[in-house]
């Protein structure tokens, strides 16, 4: 697959927005949400939206954050596994329902589970994380940004 458009190189406006968008996401590094949980949530959203670029990034970043290959590989089927905690399951459910808003939105049951396991700041961070990764996956899918060449930490520079 060839990219349709390079948001960073082909459009000064898109480049400014993409850089600001990335900088906004850095605030999540200051949250109490563990890096590995953030990566699993972002991986799940990337899978749901069919974003090869995001799946590439977040599988590699999850591994770099200490996630096992087993847990990374089972994210796509998390409901049918025993390897995720109740808190992780709540976050993954929020990721799915927050991505598939047109289906029914975020259920009261999922919201209650999130609130059971996460404090106010963590809940706010999760909501922002799901929203930001959904925007990122959509940008990458629209322009056909392919996965496969990401190296952990390469955006930190």
Protein backbone atom coordinates (compact mmCIF):
# COMPACT_ATOMS: atom_id res chain seq x y z
CA UNK A 1 0.00 0.00 0.00
CA UNK A 2 1.32 3.38 -0.96
CA UNK A 3 0.44 6.43 1.13
CA UNK A 4 -2.00 8.78 -0.56
CA UNK A 5 -0.67 11.87 1.13
CA UNK A 6 2.01 12.81 3.65
CA UNK A 7 0.37 15.03 6.25
CA UNK A 8 3.72 16.24 7.56
CA UNK A 9 5.40 16.97 4.22
CA UNK A 10 2.59 17.85 1.81
CA UNK A 11 0.56 20.34 3.83
CA UNK A 12 1.97 23.05 6.11
CA UNK A 13 -1.42 23.34 7.82
CA UNK A 14 -1.72 19.59 8.44
CA UNK A 15 1.89 19.48 9.66
CA UNK A 16 1.16 22.21 12.24
CA UNK A 17 -1.97 20.41 13.40
CA UNK A 18 -0.27 17.00 13.54
CA UNK A 19 2.61 18.38 15.61
CA UNK A 20 0.22 20.11 18.02
CA UNK A 21 -1.89 16.98 18.18
CA UNK A 22 1.19 14.95 19.13
CA UNK A 23 2.20 17.52 21.75
CA UNK A 24 -1.28 17.37 23.28
CA UNK A 25 -0.95 13.60 23.60
CA UNK A 26 2.28 14.04 25.60
CA UNK A 27 0.17 15.23 28.55
CA UNK A 28 -0.96 11.61 28.94
CA UNK A 29 2.61 10.73 29.93
CA UNK A 30 2.05 12.79 33.08
CA UNK A 31 -1.09 10.85 34.03
CA UNK A 32 -1.23 7.97 36.48
CA UNK A 33 -2.34 5.59 33.72
CA UNK A 34 0.40 3.01 33.23
CA UNK A 35 2.17 3.23 29.87
CA UNK A 36 1.42 -0.42 29.15
CA UNK A 37 -2.33 0.11 29.67
CA UNK A 38 -2.28 3.17 27.42
CA UNK A 39 -0.54 1.15 24.71
CA UNK A 40 -3.06 -1.72 24.97
CA UNK A 41 -5.97 0.73 24.68
CA UNK A 42 -4.37 2.45 21.68
CA UNK A 43 -3.63 -0.92 20.10
CA UNK A 44 -7.27 -1.98 20.44
CA UNK A 45 -8.54 1.23 18.85
CA UNK A 46 -6.03 0.84 16.02
CA UNK A 47 -7.28 -2.70 15.44
CA UNK A 48 -10.92 -1.62 15.42
CA UNK A 49 -10.26 1.19 12.96
CA UNK A 50 -8.06 -0.93 10.69
CA UNK A 51 -5.04 1.33 11.13
CA UNK A 52 -1.90 -0.65 10.28
CA UNK A 53 0.29 2.29 11.22
CA UNK A 54 -1.22 2.54 14.73
CA UNK A 55 -1.21 -1.24 15.25
CA UNK A 56 2.47 -1.24 14.29
CA UNK A 57 3.29 1.58 16.71
CA UNK A 58 1.31 0.32 19.67
CA UNK A 59 2.31 -3.34 19.46
CA UNK A 60 5.97 -2.27 19.49
CA UNK A 61 5.50 0.38 22.18
CA UNK A 62 3.53 -2.09 24.34
CA UNK A 63 6.40 -4.57 24.08
CA UNK A 64 8.89 -1.83 24.92
CA UNK A 65 6.73 -0.97 27.96
CA UNK A 66 7.09 -4.56 29.17
CA UNK A 67 3.94 -6.18 27.83
CA UNK A 68 4.25 -9.86 26.96
CA UNK A 69 3.72 -11.15 23.44
CA UNK A 70 0.80 -13.20 24.79
CA UNK A 71 -1.09 -10.17 26.10
CA UNK A 72 -0.33 -8.08 23.02
CA UNK A 73 -1.57 -10.86 20.75
CA UNK A 74 -4.73 -11.37 22.79
CA UNK A 75 -5.86 -7.73 22.82
CA UNK A 76 -8.02 -8.37 19.74
CA UNK A 77 -9.92 -11.07 21.66
CA UNK A 78 -9.61 -9.67 25.20
CA UNK A 79 -13.21 -10.55 26.16
CA UNK A 80 -12.40 -14.24 25.64
CA UNK A 81 -9.16 -14.40 27.62
CA UNK A 82 -8.00 -14.63 31.22
CA UNK A 83 -4.87 -12.48 30.93
CA UNK A 84 -6.33 -9.02 31.59
CA UNK A 85 -7.28 -7.54 34.96
CA UNK A 86 -10.74 -6.17 35.67
CA UNK A 87 -9.38 -2.63 35.37
CA UNK A 88 -7.77 -3.41 32.00
CA UNK A 89 -10.99 -5.01 30.81
CA UNK A 90 -12.92 -1.88 31.78
CA UNK A 91 -10.44 0.29 29.86
CA UNK A 92 -10.59 -1.97 26.80
CA UNK A 93 -14.41 -1.94 26.90
CA UNK A 94 -14.34 1.88 27.05
CA UNK A 95 -11.93 1.89 24.10
CA UNK A 96 -14.25 -0.31 22.05
CA UNK A 97 -17.47 1.47 22.90
CA UNK A 98 -15.84 4.88 22.57
CA UNK A 99 -14.62 3.89 19.11
CA UNK A 100 -17.94 2.41 17.99
CA UNK A 101 -20.08 5.32 19.15
CA UNK A 102 -22.61 4.77 16.38
CA UNK A 103 -23.47 1.31 17.68
CA UNK A 104 -24.83 2.47 21.04
CA UNK A 105 -22.27 4.71 22.62
CA UNK A 106 -20.62 3.96 25.93
CA UNK A 107 -22.94 1.83 28.04
CA UNK A 108 -23.78 2.63 31.63
CA UNK A 109 -22.30 -0.75 32.60
CA UNK A 110 -18.96 0.02 31.00
CA UNK A 111 -18.91 3.49 32.51
CA UNK A 112 -19.63 2.03 35.96
CA UNK A 113 -16.72 -0.42 35.56
CA UNK A 114 -14.38 2.37 34.50
CA UNK A 115 -15.41 4.46 37.52
CA UNK A 116 -14.97 1.45 39.81
CA UNK A 117 -11.33 1.01 38.79
CA UNK A 118 -10.11 4.50 37.90
CA UNK A 119 -10.08 7.77 39.83
CA UNK A 120 -11.24 11.06 38.31
CA UNK A 121 -7.89 11.96 36.76
CA UNK A 122 -7.36 8.47 35.34
CA UNK A 123 -10.91 8.44 33.96
CA UNK A 124 -10.37 11.80 32.29
CA UNK A 125 -7.07 10.57 30.87
CA UNK A 126 -8.76 7.43 29.50
CA UNK A 127 -11.48 9.47 27.81
CA UNK A 128 -8.87 11.76 26.25
CA UNK A 129 -6.70 8.80 25.24
CA UNK A 130 -9.57 7.03 23.45
CA UNK A 131 -10.58 10.26 21.73
CA UNK A 132 -7.06 11.16 20.61
CA UNK A 133 -6.17 7.71 19.28
CA UNK A 134 -9.45 7.59 17.37
CA UNK A 135 -8.56 10.87 15.67
CA UNK A 136 -5.04 9.61 14.91
CA UNK A 137 -6.26 6.33 13.44
CA UNK A 138 -8.74 8.14 11.25
CA UNK A 139 -6.07 10.48 9.87
CA UNK A 140 -3.76 7.55 9.11
CA UNK A 141 -6.46 5.40 7.50
CA UNK A 142 -7.71 8.28 5.33
CA UNK A 143 -4.22 8.92 3.88
CA UNK A 144 -3.24 5.21 3.78
CA UNK A 145 -0.29 5.63 6.13
CA UNK A 146 1.14 2.08 6.20
CA UNK A 147 2.47 0.17 9.16
CA UNK A 148 5.66 -1.82 9.35
CA UNK A 149 8.52 0.61 9.69
CA UNK A 150 8.00 2.04 13.17
CA UNK A 151 10.82 1.78 15.72
CA UNK A 152 9.96 2.25 19.41
CA UNK A 153 10.55 5.79 20.58
CA UNK A 154 11.08 7.26 17.12
CA UNK A 155 8.49 10.02 17.65
CA UNK A 156 10.14 11.12 20.88
CA UNK A 157 12.82 12.85 18.83
